Amino acid sequence: MSPRPDRLPHAVRLAAYSLAVAVLLYLTLAPAQDLPKERLWDKAEHAIAWSVLAGVGLAFWPERPRLISGFAFGLGALIEVLQWAMPFGRDGDVRDLLADSVGIAVALLAWSVVRRVAVRRPVEV
């Protein structure tokens, strides 16, 4: 049986989460012409990306949902400001931040359901 993500060494969790943040920063701040041409609906992309970011964070640190969701929201807000300020053909948009928030909420809902199910099931040794 593989170890639970929250039981991995802290340095491993932090490195993996940092990699996820770095990939997200590249995808959101790279010049528009450097991004893949195949795209979903922009708001769906935001919701999915932030759901994954928050979900990974909650898997690594399930006892810190406020910190994880706050960080994800803050990162989304910072990215929108940077997109607005940088001359790379990107646009800061409050609707993108709203889509990020939807993704975070989905991750929190899934985390809550998983935790409730886990409490009801006895732990196998």
N, C-alpha and C. Protein backbone atom coordinates (compact mmCIF):
# COMPACT_ATOMS: atom_id res chain seq x y z
N MET A 1 0.84 -1.18 0.00
CA MET A 1 0.00 0.00 0.00
C MET A 1 0.90 1.25 0.00
N SER A 2 0.58 2.21 -0.84
CA SER A 2 1.40 3.42 -0.92
C SER A 2 1.08 4.34 0.26
N PRO A 3 2.08 5.15 0.65
CA PRO A 3 1.85 6.05 1.79
C PRO A 3 0.86 7.16 1.43
N ARG A 4 0.15 7.62 2.44
CA ARG A 4 -0.74 8.75 2.24
C ARG A 4 0.10 9.98 1.91
N PRO A 5 -0.39 10.86 1.05
CA PRO A 5 0.40 12.04 0.68
C PRO A 5 0.80 12.90 1.87
N ASP A 6 -0.06 12.99 2.87
CA ASP A 6 0.25 13.83 4.03
C ASP A 6 1.29 13.20 4.95
N ARG A 7 1.68 11.96 4.68
CA ARG A 7 2.70 11.30 5.49
C ARG A 7 4.07 11.26 4.80
N LEU A 8 4.14 11.81 3.61
CA LEU A 8 5.43 11.92 2.94
C LEU A 8 6.28 12.94 3.70
N PRO A 9 7.59 12.87 3.57
CA PRO A 9 8.44 13.88 4.24
C PRO A 9 8.05 15.29 3.79
N HIS A 10 8.11 16.20 4.74
CA HIS A 10 7.70 17.58 4.47
C HIS A 10 8.44 18.17 3.27
N ALA A 11 9.73 17.91 3.16
CA ALA A 11 10.52 18.44 2.05
C ALA A 11 10.01 17.93 0.71
N VAL A 12 9.59 16.68 0.66
CA VAL A 12 9.05 16.11 -0.59
C VAL A 12 7.73 16.77 -0.94
N ARG A 13 6.86 16.93 0.05
CA ARG A 13 5.57 17.59 -0.20
C ARG A 13 5.77 19.02 -0.66
N LEU A 14 6.66 19.73 0.01
CA LEU A 14 6.92 21.12 -0.34
C LEU A 14 7.50 21.24 -1.75
N ALA A 15 8.42 20.35 -2.11
CA ALA A 15 9.01 20.37 -3.45
C ALA A 15 7.95 20.08 -4.52
N ALA A 16 7.11 19.09 -4.28
CA ALA A 16 6.07 18.74 -5.26
C ALA A 16 5.06 19.88 -5.41
N TYR A 17 4.66 20.48 -4.30
CA TYR A 17 3.70 21.58 -4.36
C TYR A 17 4.32 22.80 -5.04
N SER A 18 5.59 23.05 -4.75
CA SER A 18 6.29 24.17 -5.40
C SER A 18 6.37 23.96 -6.90
N LEU A 19 6.58 22.72 -7.32
CA LEU A 19 6.60 22.42 -8.75
C LEU A 19 5.23 22.71 -9.38
N ALA A 20 4.16 22.32 -8.68
CA ALA A 20 2.81 22.59 -9.19
C ALA A 20 2.57 24.10 -9.31
N VAL A 21 3.02 24.86 -8.31
CA VAL A 21 2.87 26.31 -8.36
C VAL A 21 3.69 26.89 -9.51
N ALA A 22 4.90 26.39 -9.71
CA ALA A 22 5.76 26.89 -10.79
C ALA A 22 5.14 26.63 -12.16
N VAL A 23 4.57 25.45 -12.35
CA VAL A 23 3.90 25.14 -13.62
C VAL A 23 2.72 26.08 -13.84
N LEU A 24 1.95 26.29 -12.79
CA LEU A 24 0.80 27.18 -12.89
C LEU A 24 1.24 28.62 -13.19
N LEU A 25 2.32 29.07 -12.55
CA LEU A 25 2.83 30.42 -12.83
C LEU A 25 3.26 30.54 -14.29
N TYR A 26 3.93 29.53 -14.81
CA TYR A 26 4.33 29.58 -16.22
C TYR A 26 3.09 29.66 -17.12
N LEU A 27 2.13 28.79 -16.88
CA LEU A 27 0.95 28.75 -17.75
C LEU A 27 0.13 30.04 -17.69
N THR A 28 0.19 30.73 -16.57
CA THR A 28 -0.62 31.94 -16.42
C THR A 28 0.13 33.22 -16.75
N LEU A 29 1.46 33.18 -16.74
CA LEU A 29 2.22 34.41 -16.96
C LEU A 29 3.07 34.40 -18.24
N ALA A 30 3.16 33.27 -18.92
CA ALA A 30 3.93 33.21 -20.16
C ALA A 30 3.26 34.08 -21.21
N PRO A 31 4.04 34.58 -22.16
CA PRO A 31 3.42 35.33 -23.26
C PRO A 31 2.34 34.49 -23.95
N ALA A 32 1.29 35.14 -24.35
CA ALA A 32 0.14 34.45 -24.94
C ALA A 32 0.54 33.60 -26.14
N GLN A 33 1.48 34.05 -26.95
CA GLN A 33 1.86 33.30 -28.15
C GLN A 33 2.65 32.04 -27.81
N ASP A 34 3.16 31.90 -26.58
CA ASP A 34 3.92 30.71 -26.18
C ASP A 34 3.04 29.59 -25.63
N LEU A 35 1.75 29.84 -25.49
CA LEU A 35 0.85 28.84 -24.92
C LEU A 35 0.30 27.92 -25.99
N PRO A 36 -0.14 26.73 -25.59
CA PRO A 36 -0.73 25.80 -26.57
C PRO A 36 -1.95 26.43 -27.24
N LYS A 37 -2.13 26.10 -28.49
CA LYS A 37 -3.26 26.66 -29.25
C LYS A 37 -4.58 25.96 -28.91
N GLU A 38 -4.51 24.67 -28.53
CA GLU A 38 -5.71 23.92 -28.16
C GLU A 38 -6.15 24.39 -26.78
N ARG A 39 -7.35 24.90 -26.68
CA ARG A 39 -7.81 25.46 -25.41
C ARG A 39 -9.24 25.04 -25.11
N LEU A 40 -9.52 24.92 -23.83
CA LEU A 40 -10.90 24.78 -23.36
C LEU A 40 -11.46 26.18 -23.19
N TRP A 41 -12.60 26.27 -22.61
CA TRP A 41 -13.15 27.56 -22.22
C TRP A 41 -12.26 28.11 -21.11
N ASP A 42 -11.84 29.36 -21.22
CA ASP A 42 -10.87 29.97 -20.30
C ASP A 42 -11.28 29.82 -18.84
N LYS A 43 -12.53 30.03 -18.53
CA LYS A 43 -12.96 29.96 -17.12
C LYS A 43 -12.90 28.53 -16.61
N ALA A 44 -13.20 27.56 -17.47
CA ALA A 44 -13.07 26.15 -17.07
C ALA A 44 -11.61 25.81 -16.80
N GLU A 45 -10.71 26.34 -17.64
CA GLU A 45 -9.28 26.10 -17.41
C GLU A 45 -8.85 26.63 -16.05
N HIS A 46 -9.32 27.82 -15.69
CA HIS A 46 -9.00 28.40 -14.38
C HIS A 46 -9.56 27.53 -13.26
N ALA A 47 -10.80 27.15 -13.36
CA ALA A 47 -11.42 26.35 -12.30
C ALA A 47 -10.70 25.01 -12.14
N ILE A 48 -10.36 24.37 -13.23
CA ILE A 48 -9.67 23.08 -13.16
C ILE A 48 -8.28 23.26 -12.55
N ALA A 49 -7.55 24.26 -13.01
CA ALA A 49 -6.19 24.47 -12.51
C ALA A 49 -6.18 24.75 -11.01
N TRP A 50 -7.09 25.60 -10.55
CA TRP A 50 -7.09 25.93 -9.12
C TRP A 50 -7.68 24.80 -8.28
N SER A 51 -8.55 24.02 -8.86
CA SER A 51 -9.05 22.83 -8.16
C SER A 51 -7.91 21.84 -7.94
N VAL A 52 -7.09 21.65 -8.97
CA VAL A 52 -5.94 20.75 -8.83
C VAL A 52 -4.95 21.31 -7.82
N LEU A 53 -4.64 22.60 -7.93
CA LEU A 53 -3.69 23.22 -6.99
C LEU A 53 -4.17 23.07 -5.55
N ALA A 54 -5.42 23.41 -5.29
CA ALA A 54 -5.95 23.30 -3.93
C ALA A 54 -6.06 21.84 -3.51
N GLY A 55 -6.47 20.98 -4.42
CA GLY A 55 -6.60 19.56 -4.09
C GLY A 55 -5.27 18.93 -3.72
N VAL A 56 -4.22 19.25 -4.45
CA VAL A 56 -2.89 18.73 -4.12
C VAL A 56 -2.46 19.26 -2.76
N GLY A 57 -2.67 20.54 -2.54
CA GLY A 57 -2.32 21.12 -1.24
C GLY A 57 -3.08 20.47 -0.09
N LEU A 58 -4.36 20.21 -0.29
CA LEU A 58 -5.17 19.56 0.75
C LEU A 58 -4.76 18.11 0.97
N ALA A 59 -4.31 17.44 -0.08
CA ALA A 59 -3.82 16.07 0.07
C ALA A 59 -2.53 16.05 0.88
N PHE A 60 -1.67 17.04 0.66
CA PHE A 60 -0.40 17.11 1.37
C PHE A 60 -0.55 17.63 2.80
N TRP A 61 -1.45 18.57 3.01
CA TRP A 61 -1.65 19.17 4.33
C TRP A 61 -3.14 19.24 4.66
N PRO A 62 -3.78 18.08 4.91
CA PRO A 62 -5.23 18.07 5.13
C PRO A 62 -5.67 18.80 6.40
N GLU A 63 -4.75 19.03 7.31
CA GLU A 63 -5.11 19.73 8.55
C GLU A 63 -5.07 21.25 8.38
N ARG A 64 -4.77 21.74 7.18
CA ARG A 64 -4.64 23.19 6.96
C ARG A 64 -5.51 23.69 5.79
N PRO A 65 -6.79 23.42 5.80
CA PRO A 65 -7.62 23.82 4.66
C PRO A 65 -7.69 25.34 4.46
N ARG A 66 -7.70 26.09 5.54
CA ARG A 66 -7.77 27.56 5.40
C ARG A 66 -6.49 28.11 4.78
N LEU A 67 -5.36 27.60 5.23
CA LEU A 67 -4.09 28.06 4.69
C LEU A 67 -3.96 27.71 3.20
N ILE A 68 -4.31 26.48 2.85
CA ILE A 68 -4.22 26.04 1.45
C ILE A 68 -5.17 26.85 0.57
N SER A 69 -6.42 26.98 0.98
CA SER A 69 -7.37 27.72 0.15
C SER A 69 -7.03 29.21 0.11
N GLY A 70 -6.55 29.75 1.22
CA GLY A 70 -6.14 31.16 1.23
C GLY A 70 -4.94 31.41 0.32
N PHE A 71 -3.97 30.50 0.36
CA PHE A 71 -2.81 30.64 -0.52
C PHE A 71 -3.25 30.56 -1.98
N ALA A 72 -4.08 29.58 -2.32
CA ALA A 72 -4.52 29.42 -3.70
C ALA A 72 -5.27 30.67 -4.18
N PHE A 73 -6.15 31.20 -3.34
CA PHE A 73 -6.89 32.41 -3.72
C PHE A 73 -5.93 33.59 -3.88
N GLY A 74 -5.02 33.75 -2.93
CA GLY A 74 -4.06 34.84 -3.01
C GLY A 74 -3.18 34.74 -4.25
N LEU A 75 -2.77 33.53 -4.60
CA LEU A 75 -1.98 33.33 -5.80
C LEU A 75 -2.79 33.71 -7.04
N GLY A 76 -4.05 33.33 -7.06
CA GLY A 76 -4.90 33.70 -8.19
C GLY A 76 -5.05 35.21 -8.32
N ALA A 77 -5.22 35.90 -7.19
CA ALA A 77 -5.35 37.35 -7.21
C ALA A 77 -4.05 38.00 -7.68
N LEU A 78 -2.92 37.51 -7.18
CA LEU A 78 -1.62 38.04 -7.59
C LEU A 78 -1.40 37.85 -9.09
N ILE A 79 -1.75 36.69 -9.60
CA ILE A 79 -1.58 36.42 -11.03
C ILE A 79 -2.42 37.37 -11.87
N GLU A 80 -3.64 37.64 -11.45
CA GLU A 80 -4.48 38.56 -12.22
C GLU A 80 -3.88 39.96 -12.23
N VAL A 81 -3.32 40.41 -11.12
CA VAL A 81 -2.65 41.72 -11.08
C VAL A 81 -1.43 41.71 -12.01
N LEU A 82 -0.64 40.64 -11.94
CA LEU A 82 0.55 40.55 -12.79
C LEU A 82 0.18 40.50 -14.26
N GLN A 83 -0.87 39.75 -14.60
CA GLN A 83 -1.31 39.70 -16.00
C GLN A 83 -1.75 41.08 -16.49
N TRP A 84 -2.39 41.82 -15.64
CA TRP A 84 -2.82 43.17 -15.99
C TRP A 84 -1.62 44.09 -16.20
N ALA A 85 -0.57 43.92 -15.37
CA ALA A 85 0.57 44.82 -15.40
C ALA A 85 1.63 44.46 -16.44
N MET A 86 1.72 43.20 -16.82
CA MET A 86 2.79 42.75 -17.71
C MET A 86 2.39 42.88 -19.18
N PRO A 87 3.33 43.23 -20.04
CA PRO A 87 3.00 43.44 -21.45
C PRO A 87 3.18 42.18 -22.31
N PHE A 88 2.56 41.06 -21.91
CA PHE A 88 2.75 39.80 -22.62
C PHE A 88 1.49 39.33 -23.33
N GLY A 89 0.56 40.23 -23.58
CA GLY A 89 -0.66 39.84 -24.26
C GLY A 89 -1.64 39.09 -23.36
N ARG A 90 -1.49 39.25 -22.05
CA ARG A 90 -2.40 38.62 -21.10
C ARG A 90 -3.25 39.71 -20.47
N ASP A 91 -4.43 39.35 -20.00
CA ASP A 91 -5.34 40.32 -19.40
C ASP A 91 -5.73 39.87 -18.00
N GLY A 92 -5.56 40.77 -17.03
CA GLY A 92 -6.08 40.51 -15.70
C GLY A 92 -7.59 40.62 -15.74
N ASP A 93 -8.29 39.68 -15.11
CA ASP A 93 -9.74 39.66 -15.20
C ASP A 93 -10.31 39.14 -13.89
N VAL A 94 -11.17 39.91 -13.26
CA VAL A 94 -11.77 39.49 -11.99
C VAL A 94 -12.62 38.23 -12.18
N ARG A 95 -13.13 38.01 -13.39
CA ARG A 95 -13.91 36.79 -13.65
C ARG A 95 -13.01 35.55 -13.60
N ASP A 96 -11.73 35.71 -13.97
CA ASP A 96 -10.79 34.60 -13.83
C ASP A 96 -10.60 34.26 -12.35
N LEU A 97 -10.51 35.28 -11.51
CA LEU A 97 -10.37 35.05 -10.07
C LEU A 97 -11.61 34.37 -9.52
N LEU A 98 -12.77 34.72 -10.04
CA LEU A 98 -14.00 34.05 -9.63
C LEU A 98 -13.96 32.57 -10.04
N ALA A 99 -13.47 32.29 -11.25
CA ALA A 99 -13.35 30.90 -11.71
C ALA A 99 -12.33 30.15 -10.84
N ASP A 100 -11.23 30.83 -10.46
CA ASP A 100 -10.26 30.22 -9.54
C ASP A 100 -10.95 29.84 -8.24
N SER A 101 -11.79 30.73 -7.75
CA SER A 101 -12.51 30.49 -6.50
C SER A 101 -13.45 29.29 -6.60
N VAL A 102 -14.08 29.14 -7.74
CA VAL A 102 -14.94 27.97 -7.96
C VAL A 102 -14.11 26.69 -7.87
N GLY A 103 -12.95 26.70 -8.50
CA GLY A 103 -12.06 25.54 -8.44
C GLY A 103 -11.62 25.23 -7.02
N ILE A 104 -11.30 26.25 -6.26
CA ILE A 104 -10.91 26.06 -4.85
C ILE A 104 -12.08 25.48 -4.06
N ALA A 105 -13.27 26.00 -4.29
CA ALA A 105 -14.45 25.50 -3.60
C ALA A 105 -14.72 24.03 -3.93
N VAL A 106 -14.53 23.66 -5.19
CA VAL A 106 -14.71 22.26 -5.59
C VAL A 106 -13.71 21.37 -4.86
N ALA A 107 -12.45 21.81 -4.78
CA ALA A 107 -11.43 21.03 -4.06
C ALA A 107 -11.79 20.91 -2.58
N LEU A 108 -12.25 21.99 -1.97
CA LEU A 108 -12.64 21.94 -0.55
C LEU A 108 -13.83 21.00 -0.33
N LEU A 109 -14.78 21.02 -1.25
CA LEU A 109 -15.93 20.13 -1.14
C LEU A 109 -15.49 18.67 -1.26
N ALA A 110 -14.65 18.37 -2.23
CA ALA A 110 -14.15 17.00 -2.39
C ALA A 110 -13.34 16.57 -1.17
N TRP A 111 -12.51 17.46 -0.65
CA TRP A 111 -11.71 17.19 0.55
C TRP A 111 -12.63 16.88 1.73
N SER A 112 -13.68 17.65 1.88
CA SER A 112 -14.63 17.45 2.97
C SER A 112 -15.32 16.09 2.87
N VAL A 113 -15.74 15.72 1.67
CA VAL A 113 -16.40 14.44 1.46
C VAL A 113 -15.44 13.29 1.76
N VAL A 114 -14.23 13.37 1.26
CA VAL A 114 -13.24 12.32 1.50
C VAL A 114 -12.96 12.18 2.99
N ARG A 115 -12.83 13.27 3.69
CA ARG A 115 -12.56 13.21 5.14
C ARG A 115 -13.73 12.58 5.89
N ARG A 116 -14.94 12.89 5.50
CA ARG A 116 -16.11 12.30 6.17
C ARG A 116 -16.17 10.80 5.93
N VAL A 117 -15.91 10.38 4.72
CA VAL A 117 -15.90 8.94 4.40
C VAL A 117 -14.78 8.26 5.14
N ALA A 118 -13.62 8.87 5.22
CA ALA A 118 -12.47 8.26 5.91
C ALA A 118 -12.74 8.09 7.39
N VAL A 119 -13.47 8.99 8.00
CA VAL A 119 -13.77 8.90 9.43
C VAL A 119 -14.71 7.71 9.69
N ARG A 120 -15.59 7.43 8.75
CA ARG A 120 -16.56 6.34 8.93
C ARG A 120 -15.96 4.96 8.70
N ARG A 121 -14.86 4.88 7.96
CA ARG A 121 -14.24 3.60 7.65
C ARG A 121 -13.16 3.30 8.66
N PRO A 122 -13.11 2.06 9.16
CA PRO A 122 -12.02 1.72 10.06
C PRO A 122 -10.71 1.63 9.31
N VAL A 123 -9.64 2.01 9.98
CA VAL A 123 -8.32 1.99 9.37
C VAL A 123 -7.79 0.57 9.37
N GLU A 124 -7.33 0.11 8.18
CA GLU A 124 -6.75 -1.21 8.08
C GLU A 124 -5.27 -1.14 8.40
N VAL A 125 -4.81 -2.09 9.18
CA VAL A 125 -3.39 -2.11 9.56
C VAL A 125 -2.65 -3.17 8.79
